[in-house]
Amino acid sequence: MLDQLAQLVQEFGEDAVIKNEAIPHEQNQAVLQETSNSIFSSLQKIASQADLSQIAGLLQGQDIDKNNPAVQQITKDVSNSLTEKLGISSATATSSVTAIIPKVLSSLIQKANDPKDTSINLSGLLDSLTGGNSPEHASIMEAIGEYGIHFGLDQNSDGKVDLDDAIELTKKGGLGGMLGKLFGK
């Protein structure tokens, strides 16, 4: 996923970074690289700290709202990283990141939700964020999707267990409640 994220940052970083006179030309590639690494790290942090509904809500949106708490956190994390690691001024880092992040996240989400685009899928995206992308093990999302209906996890009765169901379950008891229900606790 990091490769796809880096490609999107490169694609959308033209105006915000490369054409930005406040960023020295010799730092352009370092800024783009650090931006993609920091976005990924921030998404991982949100996935590990927040309940599943926050990350699921972000991944399901069609348009990214810059006022979304997750987007604000990512913007803050990436801006701080650019300032601390590369010495970019706080104002320049924030304006650049604010211009890039909604576009990158929108494109990432669109790719993950597009069944015709096989470069990234929602399950793979969640696996990458949670560290569950080991090829020798089935992903937790695949297992929940396959067996979850038998354990009453299909909250909206649409015949499949997906992020909509996860959001409903987290509202009723968090990730622990969802896993407890899956494992009969």
C-alpha atoms as a PDB file:
ATOM      1  CA  MET A   1       0.000   0.000   0.000  1.00  0.00           C
ATOM      2  CA  LEU A   2       2.879   2.345   0.701  1.00  0.00           C
ATOM      3  CA  ASP A   3       3.868   2.224  -2.973  1.00  0.00           C
ATOM      4  CA  GLN A   4       0.373   3.224  -4.089  1.00  0.00           C
ATOM      5  CA  LEU A   5       0.323   5.977  -1.487  1.00  0.00           C
ATOM      6  CA  ALA A   6       3.705   7.280  -2.687  1.00  0.00           C
ATOM      7  CA  GLN A   7       2.414   7.343  -6.287  1.00  0.00           C
ATOM      8  CA  LEU A   8      -0.641   9.343  -5.255  1.00  0.00           C
ATOM      9  CA  VAL A   9       1.449  11.818  -3.242  1.00  0.00           C
ATOM     10  CA  GLN A  10       3.745  12.226  -6.249  1.00  0.00           C
ATOM     11  CA  GLU A  11       0.735  12.770  -8.518  1.00  0.00           C
ATOM     12  CA  PHE A  12      -0.970  15.326  -6.286  1.00  0.00           C
ATOM     13  CA  GLY A  13       2.202  16.970  -4.983  1.00  0.00           C
ATOM     14  CA  GLU A  14       2.968  18.878  -8.179  1.00  0.00           C
ATOM     15  CA  ASP A  15       1.381  22.185  -7.183  1.00  0.00           C
ATOM     16  CA  ALA A  16       1.674  21.890  -3.409  1.00  0.00           C
ATOM     17  CA  VAL A  17       5.344  20.885  -3.333  1.00  0.00           C
ATOM     18  CA  ILE A  18       7.191  21.026  -6.650  1.00  0.00           C
ATOM     19  CA  LYS A  19       5.779  24.378  -7.773  1.00  0.00           C
ATOM     20  CA  ASN A  20       5.919  25.785  -4.233  1.00  0.00           C
ATOM     21  CA  GLU A  21       8.713  28.344  -4.073  1.00  0.00           C
ATOM     22  CA  ALA A  22       8.809  28.125  -0.266  1.00  0.00           C
ATOM     23  CA  ILE A  23      10.143  24.569  -0.544  1.00  0.00           C
ATOM     24  CA  PRO A  24      13.720  24.399  -1.858  1.00  0.00           C
ATOM     25  CA  HIS A  25      13.859  22.498  -5.144  1.00  0.00           C
ATOM     26  CA  GLU A  26      16.494  20.097  -3.802  1.00  0.00           C
ATOM     27  CA  GLN A  27      14.053  19.043  -1.045  1.00  0.00           C
ATOM     28  CA  ASN A  28      11.055  18.309  -3.294  1.00  0.00           C
ATOM     29  CA  GLN A  29      11.539  14.540  -3.453  1.00  0.00           C
ATOM     30  CA  ALA A  30      12.353  14.301   0.258  1.00  0.00           C
ATOM     31  CA  VAL A  31       9.171  16.245   1.081  1.00  0.00           C
ATOM     32  CA  LEU A  32       7.045  13.992  -1.146  1.00  0.00           C
ATOM     33  CA  GLN A  33       8.620  10.846   0.320  1.00  0.00           C
ATOM     34  CA  GLU A  34       8.201  12.028   3.896  1.00  0.00           C
ATOM     35  CA  THR A  35       4.613  13.052   3.154  1.00  0.00           C
ATOM     36  CA  SER A  36       3.673   9.567   1.944  1.00  0.00           C
ATOM     37  CA  ASN A  37       5.509   7.872   4.834  1.00  0.00           C
ATOM     38  CA  SER A  38       3.865  10.167   7.362  1.00  0.00           C
ATOM     39  CA  ILE A  39       0.374   9.705   5.912  1.00  0.00           C
ATOM     40  CA  PHE A  40       0.835   5.938   6.172  1.00  0.00           C
ATOM     41  CA  SER A  41       2.182   6.170   9.734  1.00  0.00           C
ATOM     42  CA  SER A  42      -0.642   8.450  10.767  1.00  0.00           C
ATOM     43  CA  LEU A  43      -3.259   6.099   9.291  1.00  0.00           C
ATOM     44  CA  GLN A  44      -1.634   3.208  11.161  1.00  0.00           C
ATOM     45  CA  LYS A  45      -1.707   5.208  14.391  1.00  0.00           C
ATOM     46  CA  ILE A  46      -5.384   6.039  13.924  1.00  0.00           C
ATOM     47  CA  ALA A  47      -6.173   2.392  13.145  1.00  0.00           C
ATOM     48  CA  SER A  48      -4.395   1.225  16.303  1.00  0.00           C
ATOM     49  CA  GLN A  49      -5.655   3.941  18.676  1.00  0.00           C
ATOM     50  CA  ALA A  50      -9.160   4.788  17.537  1.00  0.00           C
ATOM     51  CA  ASP A  51     -12.139   2.540  17.358  1.00  0.00           C
ATOM     52  CA  LEU A  52     -12.857   0.930  14.025  1.00  0.00           C
ATOM     53  CA  SER A  53     -15.699   3.331  13.262  1.00  0.00           C
ATOM     54  CA  GLN A  54     -13.312   6.303  12.847  1.00  0.00           C
ATOM     55  CA  ILE A  55     -11.085   4.589  10.278  1.00  0.00           C
ATOM     56  CA  ALA A  56     -14.053   2.866   8.615  1.00  0.00           C
ATOM     57  CA  GLY A  57     -15.892   6.180   8.372  1.00  0.00           C
ATOM     58  CA  LEU A  58     -12.865   7.729   6.699  1.00  0.00           C
ATOM     59  CA  LEU A  59     -12.497   4.831   4.265  1.00  0.00           C
ATOM     60  CA  GLN A  60     -16.150   4.840   3.266  1.00  0.00           C
ATOM     61  CA  GLY A  61     -16.449   8.522   2.456  1.00  0.00           C
ATOM     62  CA  GLN A  62     -16.660   9.599  -1.137  1.00  0.00           C
ATOM     63  CA  ASP A  63     -15.387  13.119  -0.536  1.00  0.00           C
ATOM     64  CA  ILE A  64     -12.817  13.817   2.124  1.00  0.00           C
ATOM     65  CA  ASP A  65     -13.875  16.521   4.539  1.00  0.00           C
ATOM     66  CA  LYS A  66     -10.839  18.410   5.822  1.00  0.00           C
ATOM     67  CA  ASN A  67     -12.776  18.935   9.083  1.00  0.00           C
ATOM     68  CA  ASN A  68     -12.999  15.178   9.690  1.00  0.00           C
ATOM     69  CA  PRO A  69     -11.061  14.462  12.919  1.00  0.00           C
ATOM     70  CA  ALA A  70      -9.019  11.723  11.225  1.00  0.00           C
ATOM     71  CA  VAL A  71      -8.064  14.047   8.356  1.00  0.00           C
ATOM     72  CA  GLN A  72      -7.143  16.779  10.832  1.00  0.00           C
ATOM     73  CA  GLN A  73      -4.959  14.333  12.762  1.00  0.00           C
ATOM     74  CA  ILE A  74      -3.206  13.155   9.585  1.00  0.00           C
ATOM     75  CA  THR A  75      -2.634  16.767   8.512  1.00  0.00           C
ATOM     76  CA  LYS A  76      -1.146  17.618  11.905  1.00  0.00           C
ATOM     77  CA  ASP A  77       1.075  14.521  11.962  1.00  0.00           C
ATOM     78  CA  VAL A  78       2.413  15.039   8.445  1.00  0.00           C
ATOM     79  CA  SER A  79       2.990  18.775   8.954  1.00  0.00           C
ATOM     80  CA  ASN A  80       4.894  18.123  12.184  1.00  0.00           C
ATOM     81  CA  SER A  81       6.985  15.458  10.499  1.00  0.00           C
ATOM     82  CA  LEU A  82       7.959  17.752   7.607  1.00  0.00           C
ATOM     83  CA  THR A  83       8.891  20.499  10.054  1.00  0.00           C
ATOM     84  CA  GLU A  84      10.859  18.258  12.414  1.00  0.00           C
ATOM     85  CA  LYS A  85      12.622  16.004   9.900  1.00  0.00           C
ATOM     86  CA  LEU A  86      13.193  18.358   6.956  1.00  0.00           C
ATOM     87  CA  GLY A  87      13.167  21.800   8.533  1.00  0.00           C
ATOM     88  CA  ILE A  88      10.243  23.027   6.415  1.00  0.00           C
ATOM     89  CA  SER A  89       8.544  25.986   8.101  1.00  0.00           C
ATOM     90  CA  SER A  90       5.363  25.113   9.935  1.00  0.00           C
ATOM     91  CA  ALA A  91       3.234  27.424   7.766  1.00  0.00           C
ATOM     92  CA  THR A  92       4.653  26.006   4.510  1.00  0.00           C
ATOM     93  CA  ALA A  93       4.299  22.416   5.709  1.00  0.00           C
ATOM     94  CA  THR A  94       0.706  22.948   6.813  1.00  0.00           C
ATOM     95  CA  SER A  95      -0.362  24.681   3.594  1.00  0.00           C
ATOM     96  CA  SER A  96       1.295  22.015   1.427  1.00  0.00           C
ATOM     97  CA  VAL A  97      -0.119  19.122   3.391  1.00  0.00           C
ATOM     98  CA  THR A  98      -3.596  20.661   3.537  1.00  0.00           C
ATOM     99  CA  ALA A  99      -3.560  20.836  -0.265  1.00  0.00           C
ATOM    100  CA  ILE A 100      -2.345  17.252  -0.762  1.00  0.00           C
ATOM    101  CA  ILE A 101      -4.002  15.076   1.894  1.00  0.00           C
ATOM    102  CA  PRO A 102      -7.688  15.345   0.879  1.00  0.00           C
ATOM    103  CA  LYS A 103      -6.781  14.566  -2.748  1.00  0.00           C
ATOM    104  CA  VAL A 104      -4.560  11.627  -1.820  1.00  0.00           C
ATOM    105  CA  LEU A 105      -7.082  10.131   0.603  1.00  0.00           C
ATOM    106  CA  SER A 106      -9.976  10.602  -1.831  1.00  0.00           C
ATOM    107  CA  SER A 107      -8.046   8.860  -4.578  1.00  0.00           C
ATOM    108  CA  LEU A 108      -6.890   6.082  -2.241  1.00  0.00           C
ATOM    109  CA  ILE A 109     -10.444   5.459  -1.064  1.00  0.00           C
ATOM    110  CA  GLN A 110     -11.789   5.568  -4.607  1.00  0.00           C
ATOM    111  CA  LYS A 111      -9.215   2.961  -5.678  1.00  0.00           C
ATOM    112  CA  ALA A 112      -9.934   0.764  -2.656  1.00  0.00           C
ATOM    113  CA  ASN A 113     -13.685   0.843  -3.320  1.00  0.00           C
ATOM    114  CA  ASP A 114     -13.442   0.350  -7.097  1.00  0.00           C
ATOM    115  CA  PRO A 115     -13.838  -3.348  -7.949  1.00  0.00           C
ATOM    116  CA  LYS A 116     -12.299  -2.687 -11.377  1.00  0.00           C
ATOM    117  CA  ASP A 117      -9.111  -1.228  -9.868  1.00  0.00           C
ATOM    118  CA  THR A 118      -7.044  -4.124  -8.552  1.00  0.00           C
ATOM    119  CA  SER A 119      -4.066  -1.998  -7.463  1.00  0.00           C
ATOM    120  CA  ILE A 120      -5.486  -1.790  -3.945  1.00  0.00           C
ATOM    121  CA  ASN A 121      -8.534  -3.177  -2.176  1.00  0.00           C
ATOM    122  CA  LEU A 122     -10.226  -2.353   1.101  1.00  0.00           C
ATOM    123  CA  SER A 123      -9.199  -5.578   2.800  1.00  0.00           C
ATOM    124  CA  GLY A 124      -5.572  -5.093   1.742  1.00  0.00           C
ATOM    125  CA  LEU A 125      -5.681  -1.492   2.870  1.00  0.00           C
ATOM    126  CA  LEU A 126      -6.954  -2.468   6.321  1.00  0.00           C
ATOM    127  CA  ASP A 127      -4.412  -5.285   6.522  1.00  0.00           C
ATOM    128  CA  SER A 128      -1.612  -2.830   5.744  1.00  0.00           C
ATOM    129  CA  LEU A 129      -2.796  -0.413   8.395  1.00  0.00           C
ATOM    130  CA  THR A 130      -3.179  -3.069  11.055  1.00  0.00           C
ATOM    131  CA  GLY A 131      -0.091  -5.110  10.154  1.00  0.00           C
ATOM    132  CA  GLY A 132      -2.078  -8.161   9.044  1.00  0.00           C
ATOM    133  CA  ASN A 133      -0.718  -8.448   5.513  1.00  0.00           C
ATOM    134  CA  SER A 134       1.159 -11.709   5.967  1.00  0.00           C
ATOM    135  CA  PRO A 135       0.596 -13.874   2.859  1.00  0.00           C
ATOM    136  CA  GLU A 136       0.578 -17.160   4.776  1.00  0.00           C
ATOM    137  CA  HIS A 137      -2.427 -16.127   6.879  1.00  0.00           C
ATOM    138  CA  ALA A 138      -5.890 -15.195   5.684  1.00  0.00           C
ATOM    139  CA  SER A 139      -6.733 -11.610   6.486  1.00  0.00           C
ATOM    140  CA  ILE A 140      -8.986 -10.959   9.421  1.00  0.00           C
ATOM    141  CA  MET A 141     -11.399  -9.057   7.193  1.00  0.00           C
ATOM    142  CA  GLU A 142     -11.706 -12.052   4.852  1.00  0.00           C
ATOM    143  CA  ALA A 143     -12.323 -14.392   7.780  1.00  0.00           C
ATOM    144  CA  ILE A 144     -14.903 -12.069   9.315  1.00  0.00           C
ATOM    145  CA  GLY A 145     -16.575 -11.637   5.915  1.00  0.00           C
ATOM    146  CA  GLU A 146     -16.676 -15.366   5.294  1.00  0.00           C
ATOM    147  CA  TYR A 147     -17.769 -16.577   8.728  1.00  0.00           C
ATOM    148  CA  GLY A 148     -19.305 -13.496  10.310  1.00  0.00           C
ATOM    149  CA  ILE A 149     -22.807 -14.077   8.970  1.00  0.00           C
ATOM    150  CA  HIS A 150     -22.975 -17.323  10.959  1.00  0.00           C
ATOM    151  CA  PHE A 151     -22.207 -15.409  14.160  1.00  0.00           C
ATOM    152  CA  GLY A 152     -24.786 -12.664  13.704  1.00  0.00           C
ATOM    153  CA  LEU A 153     -22.338 -10.002  12.541  1.00  0.00           C
ATOM    154  CA  ASP A 154     -24.456  -8.972   9.530  1.00  0.00           C
ATOM    155  CA  GLN A 155     -25.978  -5.965  11.280  1.00  0.00           C
ATOM    156  CA  ASN A 156     -27.820  -4.536   8.267  1.00  0.00           C
ATOM    157  CA  SER A 157     -29.082  -7.896   6.891  1.00  0.00           C
ATOM    158  CA  ASP A 158     -27.596  -7.384   3.434  1.00  0.00           C
ATOM    159  CA  GLY A 159     -26.141 -10.900   3.254  1.00  0.00           C
ATOM    160  CA  LYS A 160     -22.509  -9.898   3.772  1.00  0.00           C
ATOM    161  CA  VAL A 161     -20.305  -8.652   6.566  1.00  0.00           C
ATOM    162  CA  ASP A 162     -18.499  -5.459   5.626  1.00  0.00           C
ATOM    163  CA  LEU A 163     -17.447  -2.085   6.989  1.00  0.00           C
ATOM    164  CA  ASP A 164     -21.074  -0.982   7.418  1.00  0.00           C
ATOM    165  CA  ASP A 165     -21.576  -3.872   9.818  1.00  0.00           C
ATOM    166  CA  ALA A 166     -18.293  -3.148  11.605  1.00  0.00           C
ATOM    167  CA  ILE A 167     -19.360   0.445  12.178  1.00  0.00           C
ATOM    168  CA  GLU A 168     -22.666  -0.671  13.672  1.00  0.00           C
ATOM    169  CA  LEU A 169     -20.942  -3.201  15.884  1.00  0.00           C
ATOM    170  CA  THR A 170     -18.377  -0.711  17.156  1.00  0.00           C
ATOM    171  CA  LYS A 171     -21.213   1.621  18.094  1.00  0.00           C
ATOM    172  CA  LYS A 172     -22.655  -1.231  20.167  1.00  0.00           C
ATOM    173  CA  GLY A 173     -19.491  -2.190  22.018  1.00  0.00           C
ATOM    174  CA  GLY A 174     -16.307  -1.337  20.190  1.00  0.00           C
ATOM    175  CA  LEU A 175     -13.906  -3.671  18.483  1.00  0.00           C
ATOM    176  CA  GLY A 176     -13.847  -5.889  21.566  1.00  0.00           C
ATOM    177  CA  GLY A 177     -17.605  -6.270  21.320  1.00  0.00           C
ATOM    178  CA  MET A 178     -17.348  -7.213  17.658  1.00  0.00           C
ATOM    179  CA  LEU A 179     -14.584  -9.762  18.250  1.00  0.00           C
ATOM    180  CA  GLY A 180     -16.321 -11.039  21.380  1.00  0.00           C
ATOM    181  CA  LYS A 181     -19.474 -11.641  19.373  1.00  0.00           C
ATOM    182  CA  LEU A 182     -17.441 -13.374  16.648  1.00  0.00           C
ATOM    183  CA  PHE A 183     -15.726 -15.648  19.166  1.00  0.00           C
ATOM    184  CA  GLY A 184     -18.826 -16.194  21.334  1.00  0.00           C
ATOM    185  CA  LYS A 185     -17.810 -14.194  24.409  1.00  0.00           C
END
